[in-house]
C-alpha cells in the first residue's frame, strides 16, 4: 500500500513541532456555558450532551488532581510531552482571575509543553486573548472555536446562540495575538434552508468550507453529527424529523472538506467520538477505524489530496 499523506495529520504535526510524540491531557475545568446558564440560553446546542462532551474525562473538582491522576496512569507512559487540553463546555467563560487560576493549576508538570483551550466564539475578547498570550513564552498555546456551520439558519436551529460574525471577530482577535485557531465543524447537521445537494454534497458543507477559507485558521476538527441520549436532537430523531448521515455519505462530505480546505491547515480529527453508553445513532460512529480507513481508502482510490481544489 502506498504511504502518502493525503491530508495534514495532527500527530505528525505535533511530532515535528516538539521533536517527538505529544499527547493531550483532557481536562474538565468545571466551566459552564452562556448557552446553559441563562445568559444566552438554558438548553445548550441541540446535540450537546449533559457533560458538554466531557463524559470520557474522569473529572475531579481539583484540576491539578486530574493532571496528577493522568500522569499516574498508563496513558502517561505513551509519550514524554503533553498538552493540557481544557475540553468540555466553554473554557474562557469566567473572570480573568479565575481563568488564570484554572490554567495555572493544570500547568504543574515539566512534561507539559502546551495549553489548548476549547471555547465559543462569543467568549473571546482582548482580555482573554491577552491572558492566553501570556503563556506563550513557555508553552504552545492554541484555542479551539466551535463554528459547526456557516449557515446562520442552521446555526439558529441547532441553538448555538452565536453568529458567524462572532466567529470572524474571535478569529481576528486571536490572529492579532498570534494564537493558533482550531475550528470545529459538524457534517450531517439538520440543514434548515440548505437541503440542496450538489453531487451528494450538501450546500451547507460547501458554504461552510468557503467561509472557513476566508479566515486565517491553523487547524480543523471535522465531526460527524451523532445523536446522544437526553438531547433535543434525540427528540427530533425519535419524532422522525432528523435522519443522520450514512457512513458513505459522511465520508464523501468529509473528503469534500479536505480537498477544498486550505492545504496549510492541520486536520486535527475527522470524526467525533460518541460515548458508547450514550450513543443513539448512527451506530457506525462507534467504529473509528471504519471512518479513518474508509476515508483513507476513498482519498486513495480517487487520488484526492488536501486542498487540491482550494
C-alpha atoms as a PDB file:
ATOM      1  CA  UNK A   1       0.000   0.000   0.000  1.00  0.00           C
ATOM      2  CA  UNK A   2       1.262   3.452  -0.871  1.00  0.00           C
ATOM      3  CA  UNK A   3       2.368   5.521   2.100  1.00  0.00           C
ATOM      4  CA  UNK A   4       1.309   9.024   1.059  1.00  0.00           C
ATOM      5  CA  UNK A   5      -0.086  11.594   3.455  1.00  0.00           C
ATOM      6  CA  UNK A   6      -3.261  12.796   1.744  1.00  0.00           C
ATOM      7  CA  UNK A   7      -4.025  15.386   4.412  1.00  0.00           C
ATOM      8  CA  UNK A   8      -2.031  17.034   7.185  1.00  0.00           C
ATOM      9  CA  UNK A   9      -2.347  14.827  10.271  1.00  0.00           C
ATOM     10  CA  UNK A  10      -2.145  16.271  13.776  1.00  0.00           C
ATOM     11  CA  UNK A  11       0.121  13.533  15.138  1.00  0.00           C
ATOM     12  CA  UNK A  12       2.777  14.227  12.514  1.00  0.00           C
ATOM     13  CA  UNK A  13       2.479  17.987  13.038  1.00  0.00           C
ATOM     14  CA  UNK A  14       2.972  17.686  16.812  1.00  0.00           C
ATOM     15  CA  UNK A  15       5.893  15.294  16.368  1.00  0.00           C
ATOM     16  CA  UNK A  16       7.607  17.741  14.024  1.00  0.00           C
ATOM     17  CA  UNK A  17       6.836  20.695  16.288  1.00  0.00           C
ATOM     18  CA  UNK A  18       8.008  19.145  19.562  1.00  0.00           C
ATOM     19  CA  UNK A  19      10.509  16.623  18.233  1.00  0.00           C
ATOM     20  CA  UNK A  20       8.625  13.579  19.474  1.00  0.00           C
ATOM     21  CA  UNK A  21       5.167  12.142  20.066  1.00  0.00           C
ATOM     22  CA  UNK A  22       2.989  14.598  22.016  1.00  0.00           C
ATOM     23  CA  UNK A  23      -0.370  13.744  23.577  1.00  0.00           C
ATOM     24  CA  UNK A  24      -3.249  15.724  25.058  1.00  0.00           C
ATOM     25  CA  UNK A  25      -4.422  15.578  28.660  1.00  0.00           C
ATOM     26  CA  UNK A  26      -8.194  16.141  28.584  1.00  0.00           C
ATOM     27  CA  UNK A  27      -9.225  18.378  31.472  1.00  0.00           C
ATOM     28  CA  UNK A  28     -12.635  19.278  32.886  1.00  0.00           C
ATOM     29  CA  UNK A  29     -12.277  22.818  34.190  1.00  0.00           C
ATOM     30  CA  UNK A  30     -15.737  22.874  35.820  1.00  0.00           C
ATOM     31  CA  UNK A  31     -16.882  25.531  33.384  1.00  0.00           C
ATOM     32  CA  UNK A  32     -20.414  26.143  32.208  1.00  0.00           C
ATOM     33  CA  UNK A  33     -21.684  27.799  29.035  1.00  0.00           C
ATOM     34  CA  UNK A  34     -23.644  31.005  28.299  1.00  0.00           C
ATOM     35  CA  UNK A  35     -25.996  28.755  26.357  1.00  0.00           C
ATOM     36  CA  UNK A  36     -26.780  26.828  29.530  1.00  0.00           C
ATOM     37  CA  UNK A  37     -26.689  29.251  32.443  1.00  0.00           C
ATOM     38  CA  UNK A  38     -29.368  31.560  31.044  1.00  0.00           C
ATOM     39  CA  UNK A  39     -27.038  34.249  29.726  1.00  0.00           C
ATOM     40  CA  UNK A  40     -27.940  33.281  26.147  1.00  0.00           C
ATOM     41  CA  UNK A  41     -29.873  30.056  26.603  1.00  0.00           C
ATOM     42  CA  UNK A  42     -30.635  27.248  29.014  1.00  0.00           C
ATOM     43  CA  UNK A  43     -30.611  24.040  26.999  1.00  0.00           C
ATOM     44  CA  UNK A  44     -27.326  24.225  25.092  1.00  0.00           C
ATOM     45  CA  UNK A  45     -26.919  23.198  21.470  1.00  0.00           C
ATOM     46  CA  UNK A  46     -29.395  20.520  20.388  1.00  0.00           C
ATOM     47  CA  UNK A  47     -26.607  17.920  20.005  1.00  0.00           C
ATOM     48  CA  UNK A  48     -24.684  18.708  23.193  1.00  0.00           C
ATOM     49  CA  UNK A  49     -24.615  16.104  25.949  1.00  0.00           C
ATOM     50  CA  UNK A  50     -25.239  16.816  29.612  1.00  0.00           C
ATOM     51  CA  UNK A  51     -21.496  16.970  30.322  1.00  0.00           C
ATOM     52  CA  UNK A  52     -20.678  19.098  27.284  1.00  0.00           C
ATOM     53  CA  UNK A  53     -18.986  16.169  25.503  1.00  0.00           C
ATOM     54  CA  UNK A  54     -16.784  15.516  28.528  1.00  0.00           C
ATOM     55  CA  UNK A  55     -18.149  12.105  29.507  1.00  0.00           C
ATOM     56  CA  UNK A  56     -14.786  10.441  28.871  1.00  0.00           C
ATOM     57  CA  UNK A  57     -12.986  12.645  31.394  1.00  0.00           C
ATOM     58  CA  UNK A  58     -12.612  11.163  34.880  1.00  0.00           C
ATOM     59  CA  UNK A  59     -13.116  14.567  36.380  1.00  0.00           C
ATOM     60  CA  UNK A  60     -12.051  15.659  39.821  1.00  0.00           C
ATOM     61  CA  UNK A  61     -13.150  19.109  41.030  1.00  0.00           C
ATOM     62  CA  UNK A  62      -9.447  19.760  41.515  1.00  0.00           C
ATOM     63  CA  UNK A  63      -7.743  20.411  38.162  1.00  0.00           C
ATOM     64  CA  UNK A  64      -4.266  19.657  39.483  1.00  0.00           C
ATOM     65  CA  UNK A  65      -5.554  16.300  40.716  1.00  0.00           C
ATOM     66  CA  UNK A  66      -6.834  15.487  37.239  1.00  0.00           C
ATOM     67  CA  UNK A  67      -3.382  16.157  35.800  1.00  0.00           C
ATOM     68  CA  UNK A  68      -1.639  14.166  38.534  1.00  0.00           C
ATOM     69  CA  UNK A  69      -4.031  11.264  38.026  1.00  0.00           C
ATOM     70  CA  UNK A  70      -3.242  11.314  34.317  1.00  0.00           C
ATOM     71  CA  UNK A  71       0.497  11.146  34.946  1.00  0.00           C
ATOM     72  CA  UNK A  72      -0.039   8.285  37.401  1.00  0.00           C
ATOM     73  CA  UNK A  73      -1.941   6.297  34.755  1.00  0.00           C
ATOM     74  CA  UNK A  74      -0.754   4.089  31.910  1.00  0.00           C
ATOM     75  CA  UNK A  75      -1.610   6.891  29.452  1.00  0.00           C
ATOM     76  CA  UNK A  76       1.401   8.919  30.540  1.00  0.00           C
ATOM     77  CA  UNK A  77       3.706   6.077  29.520  1.00  0.00           C
ATOM     78  CA  UNK A  78       2.868   6.573  25.844  1.00  0.00           C
ATOM     79  CA  UNK A  79       4.746   9.860  25.418  1.00  0.00           C
ATOM     80  CA  UNK A  80       7.138  12.290  27.087  1.00  0.00           C
ATOM     81  CA  UNK A  81       5.442  15.545  26.125  1.00  0.00           C
ATOM     82  CA  UNK A  82       1.864  16.633  26.680  1.00  0.00           C
ATOM     83  CA  UNK A  83      -0.636  19.417  26.040  1.00  0.00           C
ATOM     84  CA  UNK A  84      -3.057  20.471  28.788  1.00  0.00           C
ATOM     85  CA  UNK A  85      -6.384  20.471  26.971  1.00  0.00           C
ATOM     86  CA  UNK A  86      -9.392  22.171  28.565  1.00  0.00           C
ATOM     87  CA  UNK A  87     -12.045  20.398  26.549  1.00  0.00           C
ATOM     88  CA  UNK A  88     -15.681  20.411  27.584  1.00  0.00           C
ATOM     89  CA  UNK A  89     -18.075  23.342  27.898  1.00  0.00           C
ATOM     90  CA  UNK A  90     -16.784  26.925  27.442  1.00  0.00           C
ATOM     91  CA  UNK A  91     -13.266  27.228  28.817  1.00  0.00           C
ATOM     92  CA  UNK A  92     -12.920  31.009  28.566  1.00  0.00           C
ATOM     93  CA  UNK A  93     -16.277  31.752  30.216  1.00  0.00           C
ATOM     94  CA  UNK A  94     -15.188  33.135  33.593  1.00  0.00           C
ATOM     95  CA  UNK A  95     -13.390  36.101  35.117  1.00  0.00           C
ATOM     96  CA  UNK A  96      -9.797  36.622  34.019  1.00  0.00           C
ATOM     97  CA  UNK A  97      -8.683  35.945  37.585  1.00  0.00           C
ATOM     98  CA  UNK A  98     -10.462  32.592  37.715  1.00  0.00           C
ATOM     99  CA  UNK A  99      -9.293  31.644  34.231  1.00  0.00           C
ATOM    100  CA  UNK A 100      -5.677  32.206  35.246  1.00  0.00           C
ATOM    101  CA  UNK A 101      -6.107  30.119  38.395  1.00  0.00           C
ATOM    102  CA  UNK A 102      -7.581  27.254  36.407  1.00  0.00           C
ATOM    103  CA  UNK A 103      -4.982  27.321  33.638  1.00  0.00           C
ATOM    104  CA  UNK A 104      -2.129  27.610  36.164  1.00  0.00           C
ATOM    105  CA  UNK A 105      -3.467  24.665  38.148  1.00  0.00           C
ATOM    106  CA  UNK A 106      -3.092  22.446  35.071  1.00  0.00           C
ATOM    107  CA  UNK A 107       0.447  23.519  34.158  1.00  0.00           C
ATOM    108  CA  UNK A 108       2.137  21.711  37.023  1.00  0.00           C
ATOM    109  CA  UNK A 109       4.495  19.307  35.267  1.00  0.00           C
ATOM    110  CA  UNK A 110       7.585  19.973  33.173  1.00  0.00           C
ATOM    111  CA  UNK A 111       6.388  17.454  30.606  1.00  0.00           C
ATOM    112  CA  UNK A 112       3.524  19.776  29.666  1.00  0.00           C
ATOM    113  CA  UNK A 113       4.548  21.824  26.623  1.00  0.00           C
ATOM    114  CA  UNK A 114       1.221  23.293  25.515  1.00  0.00           C
ATOM    115  CA  UNK A 115      -2.078  24.822  26.615  1.00  0.00           C
ATOM    116  CA  UNK A 116      -5.148  24.194  24.464  1.00  0.00           C
ATOM    117  CA  UNK A 117      -8.495  25.773  25.285  1.00  0.00           C
ATOM    118  CA  UNK A 118     -11.852  24.936  23.694  1.00  0.00           C
ATOM    119  CA  UNK A 119     -14.462  27.681  23.733  1.00  0.00           C
ATOM    120  CA  UNK A 120     -17.209  29.586  21.904  1.00  0.00           C
ATOM    121  CA  UNK A 121     -16.500  32.496  19.534  1.00  0.00           C
ATOM    122  CA  UNK A 122     -18.634  34.874  21.628  1.00  0.00           C
ATOM    123  CA  UNK A 123     -16.445  34.168  24.674  1.00  0.00           C
ATOM    124  CA  UNK A 124     -13.244  35.527  23.163  1.00  0.00           C
ATOM    125  CA  UNK A 125     -12.198  39.126  23.789  1.00  0.00           C
ATOM    126  CA  UNK A 126      -8.964  41.074  24.112  1.00  0.00           C
ATOM    127  CA  UNK A 127      -8.626  40.401  27.839  1.00  0.00           C
ATOM    128  CA  UNK A 128      -8.953  36.634  27.338  1.00  0.00           C
ATOM    129  CA  UNK A 129      -6.564  36.670  24.378  1.00  0.00           C
ATOM    130  CA  UNK A 130      -4.045  38.710  26.349  1.00  0.00           C
ATOM    131  CA  UNK A 131      -4.161  36.186  29.203  1.00  0.00           C
ATOM    132  CA  UNK A 132      -3.681  33.246  26.832  1.00  0.00           C
ATOM    133  CA  UNK A 133      -0.832  35.035  25.070  1.00  0.00           C
ATOM    134  CA  UNK A 134       0.941  35.444  28.418  1.00  0.00           C
ATOM    135  CA  UNK A 135       1.531  31.670  28.450  1.00  0.00           C
ATOM    136  CA  UNK A 136       3.149  31.592  25.026  1.00  0.00           C
ATOM    137  CA  UNK A 137       6.672  32.338  26.247  1.00  0.00           C
ATOM    138  CA  UNK A 138       6.794  28.912  27.882  1.00  0.00           C
ATOM    139  CA  UNK A 139       4.007  26.952  26.180  1.00  0.00           C
ATOM    140  CA  UNK A 140       2.478  26.392  22.795  1.00  0.00           C
ATOM    141  CA  UNK A 141      -0.987  27.984  23.009  1.00  0.00           C
ATOM    142  CA  UNK A 142      -3.993  27.375  20.792  1.00  0.00           C
ATOM    143  CA  UNK A 143      -7.722  28.000  21.001  1.00  0.00           C
ATOM    144  CA  UNK A 144     -10.488  25.791  19.633  1.00  0.00           C
ATOM    145  CA  UNK A 145     -13.526  27.640  18.351  1.00  0.00           C
ATOM    146  CA  UNK A 146     -16.801  25.932  17.603  1.00  0.00           C
ATOM    147  CA  UNK A 147     -18.365  27.027  14.336  1.00  0.00           C
ATOM    148  CA  UNK A 148     -20.266  23.842  13.374  1.00  0.00           C
ATOM    149  CA  UNK A 149     -21.837  25.518  10.321  1.00  0.00           C
ATOM    150  CA  UNK A 150     -21.673  28.756   8.351  1.00  0.00           C
ATOM    151  CA  UNK A 151     -25.397  28.507   7.637  1.00  0.00           C
ATOM    152  CA  UNK A 152     -26.969  31.012  10.048  1.00  0.00           C
ATOM    153  CA  UNK A 153     -30.394  29.357   9.714  1.00  0.00           C
ATOM    154  CA  UNK A 154     -28.970  26.018  10.751  1.00  0.00           C
ATOM    155  CA  UNK A 155     -26.953  27.740  13.475  1.00  0.00           C
ATOM    156  CA  UNK A 156     -30.177  29.158  14.893  1.00  0.00           C
ATOM    157  CA  UNK A 157     -31.956  25.826  14.593  1.00  0.00           C
ATOM    158  CA  UNK A 158     -29.237  23.939  16.478  1.00  0.00           C
ATOM    159  CA  UNK A 159     -29.414  26.682  19.125  1.00  0.00           C
ATOM    160  CA  UNK A 160     -25.713  27.558  19.109  1.00  0.00           C
ATOM    161  CA  UNK A 161     -26.601  31.150  20.152  1.00  0.00           C
ATOM    162  CA  UNK A 162     -23.741  32.894  18.370  1.00  0.00           C
ATOM    163  CA  UNK A 163     -23.330  34.267  14.863  1.00  0.00           C
ATOM    164  CA  UNK A 164     -20.851  33.945  12.034  1.00  0.00           C
ATOM    165  CA  UNK A 165     -19.752  37.496  12.859  1.00  0.00           C
ATOM    166  CA  UNK A 166     -18.899  36.345  16.390  1.00  0.00           C
ATOM    167  CA  UNK A 167     -16.658  33.699  14.856  1.00  0.00           C
ATOM    168  CA  UNK A 168     -14.991  36.175  12.488  1.00  0.00           C
ATOM    169  CA  UNK A 169     -14.353  38.632  15.305  1.00  0.00           C
ATOM    170  CA  UNK A 170     -12.903  35.935  17.569  1.00  0.00           C
ATOM    171  CA  UNK A 171     -10.527  34.754  14.833  1.00  0.00           C
ATOM    172  CA  UNK A 172      -9.382  38.341  14.207  1.00  0.00           C
ATOM    173  CA  UNK A 173      -8.657  38.869  17.899  1.00  0.00           C
ATOM    174  CA  UNK A 174      -6.719  35.612  18.212  1.00  0.00           C
ATOM    175  CA  UNK A 175      -4.838  36.332  14.975  1.00  0.00           C
ATOM    176  CA  UNK A 176      -3.803  39.723  16.381  1.00  0.00           C
ATOM    177  CA  UNK A 177      -2.218  37.953  19.377  1.00  0.00           C
ATOM    178  CA  UNK A 178      -0.627  35.300  17.139  1.00  0.00           C
ATOM    179  CA  UNK A 179      -2.568  32.495  18.829  1.00  0.00           C
ATOM    180  CA  UNK A 180      -3.336  29.436  16.721  1.00  0.00           C
ATOM    181  CA  UNK A 181      -7.006  28.806  15.967  1.00  0.00           C
ATOM    182  CA  UNK A 182      -8.528  25.345  15.574  1.00  0.00           C
ATOM    183  CA  UNK A 183     -12.107  25.278  14.275  1.00  0.00           C
ATOM    184  CA  UNK A 184     -14.821  22.662  14.815  1.00  0.00           C
ATOM    185  CA  UNK A 185     -17.312  21.917  12.057  1.00  0.00           C
ATOM    186  CA  UNK A 186     -20.045  19.272  12.001  1.00  0.00           C
ATOM    187  CA  UNK A 187     -21.162  17.284   8.986  1.00  0.00           C
ATOM    188  CA  UNK A 188     -24.713  15.983   8.914  1.00  0.00           C
ATOM    189  CA  UNK A 189     -26.477  18.685  10.915  1.00  0.00           C
ATOM    190  CA  UNK A 190     -30.159  19.361  10.242  1.00  0.00           C
ATOM    191  CA  UNK A 191     -29.537  21.729   7.296  1.00  0.00           C
ATOM    192  CA  UNK A 192     -32.511  24.048   7.575  1.00  0.00           C
ATOM    193  CA  UNK A 193     -32.879  26.020   4.355  1.00  0.00           C
ATOM    194  CA  UNK A 194     -29.844  24.284   2.823  1.00  0.00           C
ATOM    195  CA  UNK A 195     -31.171  20.927   1.643  1.00  0.00           C
ATOM    196  CA  UNK A 196     -29.906  21.439  -1.922  1.00  0.00           C
ATOM    197  CA  UNK A 197     -27.231  18.886  -2.752  1.00  0.00           C
ATOM    198  CA  UNK A 198     -24.505  19.205  -5.359  1.00  0.00           C
ATOM    199  CA  UNK A 199     -23.175  15.793  -6.385  1.00  0.00           C
ATOM    200  CA  UNK A 200     -24.187  14.423  -2.970  1.00  0.00           C
ATOM    201  CA  UNK A 201     -22.508  17.244  -1.047  1.00  0.00           C
ATOM    202  CA  UNK A 202     -24.815  19.464   0.988  1.00  0.00           C
ATOM    203  CA  UNK A 203     -24.766  23.163   0.238  1.00  0.00           C
ATOM    204  CA  UNK A 204     -24.236  23.662   3.958  1.00  0.00           C
ATOM    205  CA  UNK A 205     -20.856  21.907   3.797  1.00  0.00           C
ATOM    206  CA  UNK A 206     -19.866  23.785   0.646  1.00  0.00           C
ATOM    207  CA  UNK A 207     -20.724  27.145   2.186  1.00  0.00           C
ATOM    208  CA  UNK A 208     -19.012  26.296   5.475  1.00  0.00           C
ATOM    209  CA  UNK A 209     -15.750  25.399   3.725  1.00  0.00           C
ATOM    210  CA  UNK A 210     -15.900  28.576   1.635  1.00  0.00           C
ATOM    211  CA  UNK A 211     -16.498  30.591   4.804  1.00  0.00           C
ATOM    212  CA  UNK A 212     -13.569  28.992   6.632  1.00  0.00           C
ATOM    213  CA  UNK A 213     -11.229  29.624   3.717  1.00  0.00           C
ATOM    214  CA  UNK A 214     -11.831  33.339   4.219  1.00  0.00           C
ATOM    215  CA  UNK A 215     -10.293  33.146   7.694  1.00  0.00           C
ATOM    216  CA  UNK A 216      -6.770  32.643   8.966  1.00  0.00           C
ATOM    217  CA  UNK A 217      -7.075  29.425  10.939  1.00  0.00           C
ATOM    218  CA  UNK A 218      -4.382  26.863  11.616  1.00  0.00           C
ATOM    219  CA  UNK A 219      -6.352  23.728  12.453  1.00  0.00           C
ATOM    220  CA  UNK A 220      -9.648  21.995  11.716  1.00  0.00           C
ATOM    221  CA  UNK A 221     -11.704  19.355  13.526  1.00  0.00           C
ATOM    222  CA  UNK A 222     -14.285  17.627  11.355  1.00  0.00           C
ATOM    223  CA  UNK A 223     -17.026  15.942  13.348  1.00  0.00           C
ATOM    224  CA  UNK A 224     -19.861  13.701  12.311  1.00  0.00           C
ATOM    225  CA  UNK A 225     -23.191  14.741  13.787  1.00  0.00           C
ATOM    226  CA  UNK A 226     -24.257  11.933  16.107  1.00  0.00           C
ATOM    227  CA  UNK A 227     -27.189  11.632  18.495  1.00  0.00           C
ATOM    228  CA  UNK A 228     -26.745  11.052  22.208  1.00  0.00           C
ATOM    229  CA  UNK A 229     -29.329  10.454  24.904  1.00  0.00           C
ATOM    230  CA  UNK A 230     -31.167  13.292  26.624  1.00  0.00           C
ATOM    231  CA  UNK A 231     -30.692  15.856  23.870  1.00  0.00           C
ATOM    232  CA  UNK A 232     -33.092  17.813  21.691  1.00  0.00           C
ATOM    233  CA  UNK A 233     -31.570  16.056  18.683  1.00  0.00           C
ATOM    234  CA  UNK A 234     -32.643  12.727  20.151  1.00  0.00           C
ATOM    235  CA  UNK A 235     -36.208  14.038  20.360  1.00  0.00           C
ATOM    236  CA  UNK A 236     -36.096  15.089  16.695  1.00  0.00           C
ATOM    237  CA  UNK A 237     -34.706  11.693  15.727  1.00  0.00           C
ATOM    238  CA  UNK A 238     -37.420   9.794  17.601  1.00  0.00           C
ATOM    239  CA  UNK A 239     -40.074  12.038  16.043  1.00  0.00           C
ATOM    240  CA  UNK A 240     -38.764  11.174  12.579  1.00  0.00           C
ATOM    241  CA  UNK A 241     -37.663  14.771  11.952  1.00  0.00           C
ATOM    242  CA  UNK A 242     -33.944  14.075  11.682  1.00  0.00           C
ATOM    243  CA  UNK A 243     -32.022  11.306   9.941  1.00  0.00           C
ATOM    244  CA  UNK A 244     -28.258  11.022  10.474  1.00  0.00           C
ATOM    245  CA  UNK A 245     -25.950  10.512   7.513  1.00  0.00           C
ATOM    246  CA  UNK A 246     -24.838   7.074   6.441  1.00  0.00           C
ATOM    247  CA  UNK A 247     -21.133   6.314   6.766  1.00  0.00           C
ATOM    248  CA  UNK A 248     -20.777   6.518   2.981  1.00  0.00           C
ATOM    249  CA  UNK A 249     -22.401   9.969   2.882  1.00  0.00           C
ATOM    250  CA  UNK A 250     -20.229  11.177   5.724  1.00  0.00           C
ATOM    251  CA  UNK A 251     -17.027  10.015   4.058  1.00  0.00           C
ATOM    252  CA  UNK A 252     -17.975  11.746   0.785  1.00  0.00           C
ATOM    253  CA  UNK A 253     -18.657  15.041   2.554  1.00  0.00           C
ATOM    254  CA  UNK A 254     -15.549  14.726   4.702  1.00  0.00           C
ATOM    255  CA  UNK A 255     -13.485  14.184   1.545  1.00  0.00           C
ATOM    256  CA  UNK A 256     -15.056  17.318   0.064  1.00  0.00           C
ATOM    257  CA  UNK A 257     -13.975  19.349   3.087  1.00  0.00           C
ATOM    258  CA  UNK A 258     -10.424  18.031   2.945  1.00  0.00           C
ATOM    259  CA  UNK A 259      -9.991  18.588  -0.803  1.00  0.00           C
ATOM    260  CA  UNK A 260     -11.407  22.118  -0.698  1.00  0.00           C
ATOM    261  CA  UNK A 261      -9.899  23.451   2.548  1.00  0.00           C
ATOM    262  CA  UNK A 262      -6.667  25.450   2.664  1.00  0.00           C
ATOM    263  CA  UNK A 263      -3.818  22.927   2.235  1.00  0.00           C
ATOM    264  CA  UNK A 264      -1.803  24.551   5.061  1.00  0.00           C
ATOM    265  CA  UNK A 265      -4.398  23.762   7.728  1.00  0.00           C
ATOM    266  CA  UNK A 266      -3.709  20.870  10.100  1.00  0.00           C
ATOM    267  CA  UNK A 267      -6.565  18.346  10.242  1.00  0.00           C
ATOM    268  CA  UNK A 268      -6.904  17.541  13.944  1.00  0.00           C
ATOM    269  CA  UNK A 269      -9.554  14.867  13.510  1.00  0.00           C
ATOM    270  CA  UNK A 270     -12.069  13.520  11.013  1.00  0.00           C
ATOM    271  CA  UNK A 271     -14.654  12.042  13.367  1.00  0.00           C
ATOM    272  CA  UNK A 272     -16.359  12.705  16.673  1.00  0.00           C
ATOM    273  CA  UNK A 273     -16.200  10.032  19.367  1.00  0.00           C
ATOM    274  CA  UNK A 274     -19.575   9.428  20.988  1.00  0.00           C
ATOM    275  CA  UNK A 275     -19.743   7.790  24.420  1.00  0.00           C
ATOM    276  CA  UNK A 276     -20.740   4.168  23.747  1.00  0.00           C
ATOM    277  CA  UNK A 277     -23.344   4.079  26.513  1.00  0.00           C
ATOM    278  CA  UNK A 278     -25.000   7.317  25.371  1.00  0.00           C
ATOM    279  CA  UNK A 279     -24.998   6.938  21.581  1.00  0.00           C
ATOM    280  CA  UNK A 280     -28.430   6.660  19.991  1.00  0.00           C
ATOM    281  CA  UNK A 281     -27.417   6.836  16.313  1.00  0.00           C
ATOM    282  CA  UNK A 282     -25.722   6.337  13.895  1.00  0.00           C
ATOM    283  CA  UNK A 283     -24.176   3.051  15.050  1.00  0.00           C
ATOM    284  CA  UNK A 284     -21.209   3.400  12.694  1.00  0.00           C
ATOM    285  CA  UNK A 285     -19.913   6.244  14.855  1.00  0.00           C
ATOM    286  CA  UNK A 286     -18.645   3.665  17.338  1.00  0.00           C
ATOM    287  CA  UNK A 287     -16.244   2.226  14.765  1.00  0.00           C
ATOM    288  CA  UNK A 288     -13.473   4.797  14.434  1.00  0.00           C
ATOM    289  CA  UNK A 289     -11.376   2.514  12.237  1.00  0.00           C
ATOM    290  CA  UNK A 290     -14.243   2.287   9.746  1.00  0.00           C
ATOM    291  CA  UNK A 291     -14.162   6.069   9.451  1.00  0.00           C
ATOM    292  CA  UNK A 292     -10.389   6.505   9.306  1.00  0.00           C
ATOM    293  CA  UNK A 293      -9.761   3.566   6.983  1.00  0.00           C
ATOM    294  CA  UNK A 294     -12.803   4.364   4.858  1.00  0.00           C
ATOM    295  CA  UNK A 295     -11.697   7.948   4.341  1.00  0.00           C
ATOM    296  CA  UNK A 296      -8.128   6.924   3.556  1.00  0.00           C
ATOM    297  CA  UNK A 297      -9.392   4.380   1.013  1.00  0.00           C
ATOM    298  CA  UNK A 298     -11.729   6.914  -0.613  1.00  0.00           C
ATOM    299  CA  UNK A 299      -8.970   9.522  -0.921  1.00  0.00           C
ATOM    300  CA  UNK A 300      -6.533   6.950  -2.285  1.00  0.00           C
ATOM    301  CA  UNK A 301      -8.922   5.410  -4.823  1.00  0.00           C
ATOM    302  CA  UNK A 302      -9.974   8.811  -6.169  1.00  0.00           C
ATOM    303  CA  UNK A 303      -6.417  10.215  -5.935  1.00  0.00           C
ATOM    304  CA  UNK A 304      -7.569  13.073  -3.703  1.00  0.00           C
ATOM    305  CA  UNK A 305      -5.361  15.359  -1.602  1.00  0.00           C
ATOM    306  CA  UNK A 306      -5.972  18.124   0.898  1.00  0.00           C
ATOM    307  CA  UNK A 307      -6.506  21.483  -0.775  1.00  0.00           C
ATOM    308  CA  UNK A 308      -6.350  20.193  -4.358  1.00  0.00           C
ATOM    309  CA  UNK A 309      -9.484  22.242  -5.167  1.00  0.00           C
ATOM    310  CA  UNK A 310      -8.685  25.136  -2.828  1.00  0.00           C
END
